[in-house]
Amino acid sequence: MLMNNARDLRGKKKEELLKQLDDLKVELSQLRVAKVTGGAASKLSKIRVVRKSIARVLTVINQTQKENLRKFYKVSLAPLKCIHAYLMLKPQCFC
């Protein structure tokens, strides 16, 4: 369940992603409890991996949500050229 590629996650439905997100958050809370109680080093090193997996799932969810909004506004507001919707949804370039 850990270390999923974003490519694999993009193929899943939103419900599956939300379920996986909940599972990862539960696992993270269990690992944090193990950290406080003095768990094994293998569990402590797993915290970073779980946090990155949570971030990866959230990134895929947000990207697909924005892409769907871009498609919606491209069709419905094309003649209006709403600048606010465009600025909010324009692709970001991190060059």
PDB file of N, CA and C in Angstrom:
ATOM      1  N   MET A   1       0.818  -1.189   0.000  1.00  0.00           N
ATOM      2  CA  MET A   1       0.000   0.000   0.000  1.00  0.00           C
ATOM      3  C   MET A   1       0.863   1.254   0.000  1.00  0.00           C
ATOM      4  N   LEU A   2       2.083   1.125   0.461  1.00  0.00           N
ATOM      5  CA  LEU A   2       2.958   2.276   0.517  1.00  0.00           C
ATOM      6  C   LEU A   2       3.679   2.464  -0.803  1.00  0.00           C
ATOM      7  N   MET A   3       4.192   3.669  -0.989  1.00  0.00           N
ATOM      8  CA  MET A   3       4.997   4.027  -2.148  1.00  0.00           C
ATOM      9  C   MET A   3       4.269   3.772  -3.466  1.00  0.00           C
ATOM     10  N   ASN A   4       3.099   4.333  -3.595  1.00  0.00           N
ATOM     11  CA  ASN A   4       2.381   4.251  -4.856  1.00  0.00           C
ATOM     12  C   ASN A   4       2.906   5.318  -5.798  1.00  0.00           C
ATOM     13  N   ASN A   5       2.981   4.982  -7.054  1.00  0.00           N
ATOM     14  CA  ASN A   5       3.343   5.967  -8.055  1.00  0.00           C
ATOM     15  C   ASN A   5       2.137   6.837  -8.347  1.00  0.00           C
ATOM     16  N   ALA A   6       2.382   8.069  -8.719  1.00  0.00           N
ATOM     17  CA  ALA A   6       1.288   8.953  -9.086  1.00  0.00           C
ATOM     18  C   ALA A   6       0.581   8.426 -10.331  1.00  0.00           C
ATOM     19  N   ARG A   7       1.320   7.744 -11.181  1.00  0.00           N
ATOM     20  CA  ARG A   7       0.732   7.173 -12.396  1.00  0.00           C
ATOM     21  C   ARG A   7      -0.323   6.133 -12.040  1.00  0.00           C
ATOM     22  N   ASP A   8      -0.027   5.309 -11.045  1.00  0.00           N
ATOM     23  CA  ASP A   8      -0.988   4.299 -10.607  1.00  0.00           C
ATOM     24  C   ASP A   8      -2.192   4.947  -9.940  1.00  0.00           C
ATOM     25  N   LEU A   9      -1.939   6.004  -9.189  1.00  0.00           N
ATOM     26  CA  LEU A   9      -3.026   6.668  -8.467  1.00  0.00           C
ATOM     27  C   LEU A   9      -3.979   7.390  -9.413  1.00  0.00           C
ATOM     28  N   ARG A  10      -3.455   7.912 -10.514  1.00  0.00           N
ATOM     29  CA  ARG A  10      -4.317   8.635 -11.456  1.00  0.00           C
ATOM     30  C   ARG A  10      -5.328   7.713 -12.129  1.00  0.00           C
ATOM     31  N   GLY A  11      -5.052   6.432 -12.143  1.00  0.00           N
ATOM     32  CA  GLY A  11      -5.971   5.474 -12.744  1.00  0.00           C
ATOM     33  C   GLY A  11      -7.119   5.083 -11.836  1.00  0.00           C
ATOM     34  N   LYS A  12      -7.063   5.484 -10.568  1.00  0.00           N
ATOM     35  CA  LYS A  12      -8.101   5.100  -9.616  1.00  0.00           C
ATOM     36  C   LYS A  12      -9.213   6.137  -9.574  1.00  0.00           C
ATOM     37  N   LYS A  13     -10.363   5.707  -9.077  1.00  0.00           N
ATOM     38  CA  LYS A  13     -11.493   6.612  -8.912  1.00  0.00           C
ATOM     39  C   LYS A  13     -11.318   7.416  -7.630  1.00  0.00           C
ATOM     40  N   LYS A  14     -12.103   8.476  -7.524  1.00  0.00           N
ATOM     41  CA  LYS A  14     -11.977   9.367  -6.371  1.00  0.00           C
ATOM     42  C   LYS A  14     -12.324   8.653  -5.069  1.00  0.00           C
ATOM     43  N   GLU A  15     -13.315   7.775  -5.100  1.00  0.00           N
ATOM     44  CA  GLU A  15     -13.708   7.051  -3.890  1.00  0.00           C
ATOM     45  C   GLU A  15     -12.573   6.157  -3.396  1.00  0.00           C
ATOM     46  N   GLU A  16     -11.897   5.505  -4.349  1.00  0.00           N
ATOM     47  CA  GLU A  16     -10.768   4.654  -3.982  1.00  0.00           C
ATOM     48  C   GLU A  16      -9.633   5.480  -3.385  1.00  0.00           C
ATOM     49  N   LEU A  17      -9.394   6.650  -3.966  1.00  0.00           N
ATOM     50  CA  LEU A  17      -8.336   7.515  -3.445  1.00  0.00           C
ATOM     51  C   LEU A  17      -8.664   8.006  -2.039  1.00  0.00           C
ATOM     52  N   LEU A  18      -9.926   8.355  -1.808  1.00  0.00           N
ATOM     53  CA  LEU A  18     -10.314   8.822  -0.476  1.00  0.00           C
ATOM     54  C   LEU A  18     -10.210   7.704   0.554  1.00  0.00           C
ATOM     55  N   LYS A  19     -10.550   6.482   0.150  1.00  0.00           N
ATOM     56  CA  LYS A  19     -10.426   5.350   1.068  1.00  0.00           C
ATOM     57  C   LYS A  19      -8.958   5.091   1.392  1.00  0.00           C
ATOM     58  N   GLN A  20      -8.115   5.161   0.374  1.00  0.00           N
ATOM     59  CA  GLN A  20      -6.689   4.964   0.598  1.00  0.00           C
ATOM     60  C   GLN A  20      -6.125   6.075   1.482  1.00  0.00           C
ATOM     61  N   LEU A  21      -6.616   7.292   1.299  1.00  0.00           N
ATOM     62  CA  LEU A  21      -6.172   8.410   2.127  1.00  0.00           C
ATOM     63  C   LEU A  21      -6.540   8.188   3.589  1.00  0.00           C
ATOM     64  N   ASP A  22      -7.757   7.722   3.831  1.00  0.00           N
ATOM     65  CA  ASP A  22      -8.174   7.431   5.203  1.00  0.00           C
ATOM     66  C   ASP A  22      -7.317   6.330   5.822  1.00  0.00           C
ATOM     67  N   ASP A  23      -7.037   5.286   5.044  1.00  0.00           N
ATOM     68  CA  ASP A  23      -6.198   4.195   5.546  1.00  0.00           C
ATOM     69  C   ASP A  23      -4.795   4.688   5.901  1.00  0.00           C
ATOM     70  N   LEU A  24      -4.251   5.542   5.049  1.00  0.00           N
ATOM     71  CA  LEU A  24      -2.914   6.066   5.312  1.00  0.00           C
ATOM     72  C   LEU A  24      -2.895   6.959   6.546  1.00  0.00           C
ATOM     73  N   LYS A  25      -3.954   7.736   6.736  1.00  0.00           N
ATOM     74  CA  LYS A  25      -4.010   8.604   7.915  1.00  0.00           C
ATOM     75  C   LYS A  25      -4.126   7.785   9.195  1.00  0.00           C
ATOM     76  N   VAL A  26      -4.885   6.699   9.143  1.00  0.00           N
ATOM     77  CA  VAL A  26      -4.986   5.815  10.313  1.00  0.00           C
ATOM     78  C   VAL A  26      -3.626   5.189  10.605  1.00  0.00           C
ATOM     79  N   GLU A  27      -2.959   4.752   9.555  1.00  0.00           N
ATOM     80  CA  GLU A  27      -1.641   4.148   9.733  1.00  0.00           C
ATOM     81  C   GLU A  27      -0.645   5.160  10.305  1.00  0.00           C
ATOM     82  N   LEU A  28      -0.727   6.407   9.842  1.00  0.00           N
ATOM     83  CA  LEU A  28       0.166   7.441  10.360  1.00  0.00           C
ATOM     84  C   LEU A  28      -0.087   7.701  11.839  1.00  0.00           C
ATOM     85  N   SER A  29      -1.354   7.724  12.231  1.00  0.00           N
ATOM     86  CA  SER A  29      -1.650   7.944  13.649  1.00  0.00           C
ATOM     87  C   SER A  29      -1.136   6.780  14.498  1.00  0.00           C
ATOM     88  N   GLN A  30      -1.237   5.566  13.989  1.00  0.00           N
ATOM     89  CA  GLN A  30      -0.709   4.413  14.721  1.00  0.00           C
ATOM     90  C   GLN A  30       0.813   4.480  14.839  1.00  0.00           C
ATOM     91  N   LEU A  31       1.462   4.930  13.785  1.00  0.00           N
ATOM     92  CA  LEU A  31       2.916   5.056  13.828  1.00  0.00           C
ATOM     93  C   LEU A  31       3.351   6.152  14.799  1.00  0.00           C
ATOM     94  N   ARG A  32       2.572   7.217  14.872  1.00  0.00           N
ATOM     95  CA  ARG A  32       2.901   8.288  15.818  1.00  0.00           C
ATOM     96  C   ARG A  32       2.740   7.818  17.256  1.00  0.00           C
ATOM     97  N   VAL A  33       1.731   6.987  17.503  1.00  0.00           N
ATOM     98  CA  VAL A  33       1.566   6.411  18.841  1.00  0.00           C
ATOM     99  C   VAL A  33       2.751   5.507  19.157  1.00  0.00           C
ATOM    100  N   ALA A  34       3.179   4.719  18.176  1.00  0.00           N
ATOM    101  CA  ALA A  34       4.331   3.839  18.378  1.00  0.00           C
ATOM    102  C   ALA A  34       5.592   4.654  18.643  1.00  0.00           C
ATOM    103  N   LYS A  35       5.684   5.817  18.036  1.00  0.00           N
ATOM    104  CA  LYS A  35       6.843   6.683  18.256  1.00  0.00           C
ATOM    105  C   LYS A  35       6.883   7.168  19.700  1.00  0.00           C
ATOM    106  N   VAL A  36       5.725   7.556  20.228  1.00  0.00           N
ATOM    107  CA  VAL A  36       5.655   8.063  21.596  1.00  0.00           C
ATOM    108  C   VAL A  36       5.940   6.950  22.599  1.00  0.00           C
ATOM    109  N   THR A  37       5.437   5.757  22.312  1.00  0.00           N
ATOM    110  CA  THR A  37       5.617   4.646  23.246  1.00  0.00           C
ATOM    111  C   THR A  37       6.972   3.968  23.095  1.00  0.00           C
ATOM    112  N   GLY A  38       7.786   4.452  22.173  1.00  0.00           N
ATOM    113  CA  GLY A  38       9.119   3.882  22.008  1.00  0.00           C
ATOM    114  C   GLY A  38       9.126   2.672  21.110  1.00  0.00           C
ATOM    115  N   GLY A  39       8.569   2.806  19.934  1.00  0.00           N
ATOM    116  CA  GLY A  39       8.498   1.693  18.990  1.00  0.00           C
ATOM    117  C   GLY A  39       9.837   1.408  18.336  1.00  0.00           C
ATOM    118  N   ALA A  40       9.833   0.409  17.501  1.00  0.00           N
ATOM    119  CA  ALA A  40      11.043  -0.015  16.803  1.00  0.00           C
ATOM    120  C   ALA A  40      11.464   1.040  15.779  1.00  0.00           C
ATOM    121  N   ALA A  41      12.717   0.998  15.417  1.00  0.00           N
ATOM    122  CA  ALA A  41      13.254   1.970  14.466  1.00  0.00           C
ATOM    123  C   ALA A  41      12.624   1.811  13.087  1.00  0.00           C
ATOM    124  N   SER A  42      12.231   0.589  12.748  1.00  0.00           N
ATOM    125  CA  SER A  42      11.614   0.375  11.438  1.00  0.00           C
ATOM    126  C   SER A  42      10.272   1.084  11.342  1.00  0.00           C
ATOM    127  N   LYS A  43       9.546   1.131  12.458  1.00  0.00           N
ATOM    128  CA  LYS A  43       8.268   1.840  12.453  1.00  0.00           C
ATOM    129  C   LYS A  43       8.485   3.346  12.376  1.00  0.00           C
ATOM    130  N   LEU A  44       9.522   3.827  13.036  1.00  0.00           N
ATOM    131  CA  LEU A  44       9.780   5.261  13.028  1.00  0.00           C
ATOM    132  C   LEU A  44      10.206   5.742  11.650  1.00  0.00           C
ATOM    133  N   SER A  45      10.944   4.931  10.939  1.00  0.00           N
ATOM    134  CA  SER A  45      11.357   5.328   9.595  1.00  0.00           C
ATOM    135  C   SER A  45      10.201   5.234   8.604  1.00  0.00           C
ATOM    136  N   LYS A  46       9.179   4.489   8.951  1.00  0.00           N
ATOM    137  CA  LYS A  46       8.023   4.335   8.069  1.00  0.00           C
ATOM    138  C   LYS A  46       7.131   5.577   8.086  1.00  0.00           C
ATOM    139  N   ILE A  47       7.269   6.425   9.107  1.00  0.00           N
ATOM    140  CA  ILE A  47       6.454   7.638   9.213  1.00  0.00           C
ATOM    141  C   ILE A  47       6.669   8.530   7.998  1.00  0.00           C
ATOM    142  N   ARG A  48       7.916   8.692   7.602  1.00  0.00           N
ATOM    143  CA  ARG A  48       8.224   9.554   6.463  1.00  0.00           C
ATOM    144  C   ARG A  48       7.592   9.020   5.181  1.00  0.00           C
ATOM    145  N   VAL A  49       7.649   7.728   4.995  1.00  0.00           N
ATOM    146  CA  VAL A  49       7.091   7.105   3.788  1.00  0.00           C
ATOM    147  C   VAL A  49       5.578   7.297   3.742  1.00  0.00           C
ATOM    148  N   VAL A  50       4.917   7.137   4.891  1.00  0.00           N
ATOM    149  CA  VAL A  50       3.460   7.283   4.940  1.00  0.00           C
ATOM    150  C   VAL A  50       3.073   8.736   4.681  1.00  0.00           C
ATOM    151  N   ARG A  51       3.824   9.670   5.248  1.00  0.00           N
ATOM    152  CA  ARG A  51       3.520  11.086   5.020  1.00  0.00           C
ATOM    153  C   ARG A  51       3.654  11.447   3.548  1.00  0.00           C
ATOM    154  N   LYS A  52       4.682  10.933   2.904  1.00  0.00           N
ATOM    155  CA  LYS A  52       4.857  11.203   1.477  1.00  0.00           C
ATOM    156  C   LYS A  52       3.751  10.553   0.646  1.00  0.00           C
ATOM    157  N   SER A  53       3.296   9.393   1.063  1.00  0.00           N
ATOM    158  CA  SER A  53       2.199   8.735   0.350  1.00  0.00           C
ATOM    159  C   SER A  53       0.909   9.534   0.491  1.00  0.00           C
ATOM    160  N   ILE A  54       0.674  10.082   1.682  1.00  0.00           N
ATOM    161  CA  ILE A  54      -0.504  10.930   1.894  1.00  0.00           C
ATOM    162  C   ILE A  54      -0.422  12.152   0.990  1.00  0.00           C
ATOM    163  N   ALA A  55       0.737  12.776   0.930  1.00  0.00           N
ATOM    164  CA  ALA A  55       0.911  13.953   0.077  1.00  0.00           C
ATOM    165  C   ALA A  55       0.699  13.601  -1.389  1.00  0.00           C
ATOM    166  N   ARG A  56       1.161  12.434  -1.791  1.00  0.00           N
ATOM    167  CA  ARG A  56       1.010  12.001  -3.180  1.00  0.00           C
ATOM    168  C   ARG A  56      -0.466  11.807  -3.533  1.00  0.00           C
ATOM    169  N   VAL A  57      -1.221  11.183  -2.634  1.00  0.00           N
ATOM    170  CA  VAL A  57      -2.651  10.954  -2.878  1.00  0.00           C
ATOM    171  C   VAL A  57      -3.390  12.287  -2.940  1.00  0.00           C
ATOM    172  N   LEU A  58      -3.089  13.193  -2.012  1.00  0.00           N
ATOM    173  CA  LEU A  58      -3.744  14.501  -2.015  1.00  0.00           C
ATOM    174  C   LEU A  58      -3.404  15.292  -3.272  1.00  0.00           C
ATOM    175  N   THR A  59      -2.177  15.178  -3.737  1.00  0.00           N
ATOM    176  CA  THR A  59      -1.777  15.870  -4.959  1.00  0.00           C
ATOM    177  C   THR A  59      -2.563  15.361  -6.155  1.00  0.00           C
ATOM    178  N   VAL A  60      -2.712  14.062  -6.261  1.00  0.00           N
ATOM    179  CA  VAL A  60      -3.461  13.488  -7.387  1.00  0.00           C
ATOM    180  C   VAL A  60      -4.923  13.905  -7.315  1.00  0.00           C
ATOM    181  N   ILE A  61      -5.506  13.907  -6.121  1.00  0.00           N
ATOM    182  CA  ILE A  61      -6.903  14.326  -5.961  1.00  0.00           C
ATOM    183  C   ILE A  61      -7.071  15.771  -6.404  1.00  0.00           C
ATOM    184  N   ASN A  62      -6.180  16.650  -5.955  1.00  0.00           N
ATOM    185  CA  ASN A  62      -6.291  18.064  -6.306  1.00  0.00           C
ATOM    186  C   ASN A  62      -6.047  18.305  -7.787  1.00  0.00           C
ATOM    187  N   GLN A  63      -5.111  17.587  -8.376  1.00  0.00           N
ATOM    188  CA  GLN A  63      -4.838  17.763  -9.800  1.00  0.00           C
ATOM    189  C   GLN A  63      -6.021  17.329 -10.658  1.00  0.00           C
ATOM    190  N   THR A  64      -6.631  16.209 -10.314  1.00  0.00           N
ATOM    191  CA  THR A  64      -7.779  15.762 -11.101  1.00  0.00           C
ATOM    192  C   THR A  64      -8.965  16.693 -10.906  1.00  0.00           C
ATOM    193  N   GLN A  65      -9.118  17.219  -9.702  1.00  0.00           N
ATOM    194  CA  GLN A  65     -10.206  18.159  -9.440  1.00  0.00           C
ATOM    195  C   GLN A  65     -10.028  19.434 -10.272  1.00  0.00           C
ATOM    196  N   LYS A  66      -8.808  19.958 -10.302  1.00  0.00           N
ATOM    197  CA  LYS A  66      -8.542  21.162 -11.088  1.00  0.00           C
ATOM    198  C   LYS A  66      -8.716  20.902 -12.579  1.00  0.00           C
ATOM    199  N   GLU A  67      -8.285  19.743 -13.031  1.00  0.00           N
ATOM    200  CA  GLU A  67      -8.422  19.418 -14.452  1.00  0.00           C
ATOM    201  C   GLU A  67      -9.891  19.339 -14.856  1.00  0.00           C
ATOM    202  N   ASN A  68     -10.721  18.756 -13.999  1.00  0.00           N
ATOM    203  CA  ASN A  68     -12.153  18.696 -14.290  1.00  0.00           C
ATOM    204  C   ASN A  68     -12.765  20.087 -14.311  1.00  0.00           C
ATOM    205  N   LEU A  69     -12.332  20.963 -13.413  1.00  0.00           N
ATOM    206  CA  LEU A  69     -12.838  22.335 -13.416  1.00  0.00           C
ATOM    207  C   LEU A  69     -12.388  23.083 -14.662  1.00  0.00           C
ATOM    208  N   ARG A  70     -11.152  22.846 -15.095  1.00  0.00           N
ATOM    209  CA  ARG A  70     -10.677  23.484 -16.326  1.00  0.00           C
ATOM    210  C   ARG A  70     -11.540  23.081 -17.517  1.00  0.00           C
ATOM    211  N   LYS A  71     -11.851  21.791 -17.597  1.00  0.00           N
ATOM    212  CA  LYS A  71     -12.696  21.319 -18.695  1.00  0.00           C
ATOM    213  C   LYS A  71     -14.079  21.941 -18.621  1.00  0.00           C
ATOM    214  N   PHE A  72     -14.631  22.033 -17.409  1.00  0.00           N
ATOM    215  CA  PHE A  72     -15.966  22.599 -17.236  1.00  0.00           C
ATOM    216  C   PHE A  72     -15.998  24.062 -17.656  1.00  0.00           C
ATOM    217  N   TYR A  73     -15.031  24.851 -17.190  1.00  0.00           N
ATOM    218  CA  TYR A  73     -15.032  26.272 -17.505  1.00  0.00           C
ATOM    219  C   TYR A  73     -14.639  26.544 -18.947  1.00  0.00           C
ATOM    220  N   LYS A  74     -13.883  25.656 -19.547  1.00  0.00           N
ATOM    221  CA  LYS A  74     -13.527  25.838 -20.945  1.00  0.00           C
ATOM    222  C   LYS A  74     -14.770  25.744 -21.821  1.00  0.00           C
ATOM    223  N   VAL A  75     -15.671  24.851 -21.460  1.00  0.00           N
ATOM    224  CA  VAL A  75     -16.892  24.661 -22.242  1.00  0.00           C
ATOM    225  C   VAL A  75     -17.937  25.710 -21.895  1.00  0.00           C
ATOM    226  N   SER A  76     -18.167  25.939 -20.595  1.00  0.00           N
ATOM    227  CA  SER A  76     -19.292  26.782 -20.196  1.00  0.00           C
ATOM    228  C   SER A  76     -18.986  28.273 -20.239  1.00  0.00           C
ATOM    229  N   LEU A  77     -17.753  28.675 -19.972  1.00  0.00           N
ATOM    230  CA  LEU A  77     -17.438  30.097 -19.908  1.00  0.00           C
ATOM    231  C   LEU A  77     -16.522  30.560 -21.031  1.00  0.00           C
ATOM    232  N   ALA A  78     -16.436  29.810 -22.085  1.00  0.00           N
ATOM    233  CA  ALA A  78     -15.553  30.187 -23.180  1.00  0.00           C
ATOM    234  C   ALA A  78     -15.915  31.540 -23.779  1.00  0.00           C
ATOM    235  N   PRO A  79     -17.200  31.835 -24.028  1.00  0.00           N
ATOM    236  CA  PRO A  79     -17.499  33.145 -24.605  1.00  0.00           C
ATOM    237  C   PRO A  79     -17.330  34.292 -23.608  1.00  0.00           C
ATOM    238  N   LEU A  80     -17.453  34.014 -22.321  1.00  0.00           N
ATOM    239  CA  LEU A  80     -17.377  35.084 -21.327  1.00  0.00           C
ATOM    240  C   LEU A  80     -15.940  35.467 -20.983  1.00  0.00           C
ATOM    241  N   LYS A  81     -15.032  34.525 -21.099  1.00  0.00           N
ATOM    242  CA  LYS A  81     -13.626  34.738 -20.768  1.00  0.00           C
ATOM    243  C   LYS A  81     -13.479  35.312 -19.359  1.00  0.00           C
ATOM    244  N   CYS A  82     -13.999  34.592 -18.413  1.00  0.00           N
ATOM    245  CA  CYS A  82     -13.956  35.011 -17.013  1.00  0.00           C
ATOM    246  C   CYS A  82     -12.507  34.968 -16.522  1.00  0.00           C
ATOM    247  N   ILE A  83     -11.948  36.123 -16.207  1.00  0.00           N
ATOM    248  CA  ILE A  83     -10.540  36.212 -15.833  1.00  0.00           C
ATOM    249  C   ILE A  83     -10.274  35.572 -14.480  1.00  0.00           C
ATOM    250  N   HIS A  84     -11.228  35.649 -13.559  1.00  0.00           N
ATOM    251  CA  HIS A  84     -11.005  35.085 -12.231  1.00  0.00           C
ATOM    252  C   HIS A  84     -10.912  33.561 -12.287  1.00  0.00           C
ATOM    253  N   ALA A  85     -11.789  32.946 -13.042  1.00  0.00           N
ATOM    254  CA  ALA A  85     -11.747  31.493 -13.170  1.00  0.00           C
ATOM    255  C   ALA A  85     -10.465  31.069 -13.876  1.00  0.00           C
ATOM    256  N   TYR A  86     -10.045  31.854 -14.852  1.00  0.00           N
ATOM    257  CA  TYR A  86      -8.823  31.520 -15.573  1.00  0.00           C
ATOM    258  C   TYR A  86      -7.608  31.588 -14.658  1.00  0.00           C
ATOM    259  N   LEU A  87      -7.510  32.659 -13.880  1.00  0.00           N
ATOM    260  CA  LEU A  87      -6.358  32.817 -12.999  1.00  0.00           C
ATOM    261  C   LEU A  87      -6.323  31.749 -11.922  1.00  0.00           C
ATOM    262  N   MET A  88      -7.497  31.341 -11.469  1.00  0.00           N
ATOM    263  CA  MET A  88      -7.563  30.347 -10.420  1.00  0.00           C
ATOM    264  C   MET A  88      -7.173  28.959 -10.941  1.00  0.00           C
ATOM    265  N   LEU A  89      -7.448  28.694 -12.189  1.00  0.00           N
ATOM    266  CA  LEU A  89      -7.285  27.346 -12.723  1.00  0.00           C
ATOM    267  C   LEU A  89      -6.160  27.206 -13.738  1.00  0.00           C
ATOM    268  N   LYS A  90      -5.410  28.271 -13.986  1.00  0.00           N
ATOM    269  CA  LYS A  90      -4.363  28.162 -15.004  1.00  0.00           C
ATOM    270  C   LYS A  90      -3.264  27.216 -14.540  1.00  0.00           C
ATOM    271  N   PRO A  91      -2.656  26.514 -15.461  1.00  0.00           N
ATOM    272  CA  PRO A  91      -1.574  25.600 -15.090  1.00  0.00           C
ATOM    273  C   PRO A  91      -0.385  26.386 -14.559  1.00  0.00           C
ATOM    274  N   GLN A  92       0.237  25.857 -13.525  1.00  0.00           N
ATOM    275  CA  GLN A  92       1.384  26.528 -12.942  1.00  0.00           C
ATOM    276  C   GLN A  92       2.657  25.958 -13.534  1.00  0.00           C
ATOM    277  N   CYS A  93       3.600  26.824 -13.789  1.00  0.00           N
ATOM    278  CA  CYS A  93       4.882  26.408 -14.335  1.00  0.00           C
ATOM    279  C   CYS A  93       5.956  26.623 -13.278  1.00  0.00           C
ATOM    280  N   PHE A  94       6.594  25.542 -12.869  1.00  0.00           N
ATOM    281  CA  PHE A  94       7.677  25.629 -11.899  1.00  0.00           C
ATOM    282  C   PHE A  94       8.989  25.344 -12.618  1.00  0.00           C
ATOM    283  N   CYS A  95       9.396  26.293 -13.415  1.00  0.00           N
ATOM    284  CA  CYS A  95      10.614  26.117 -14.217  1.00  0.00           C
ATOM    285  C   CYS A  95      11.843  26.530 -13.450  1.00  0.00           C
TER     286      CYS A  95
END
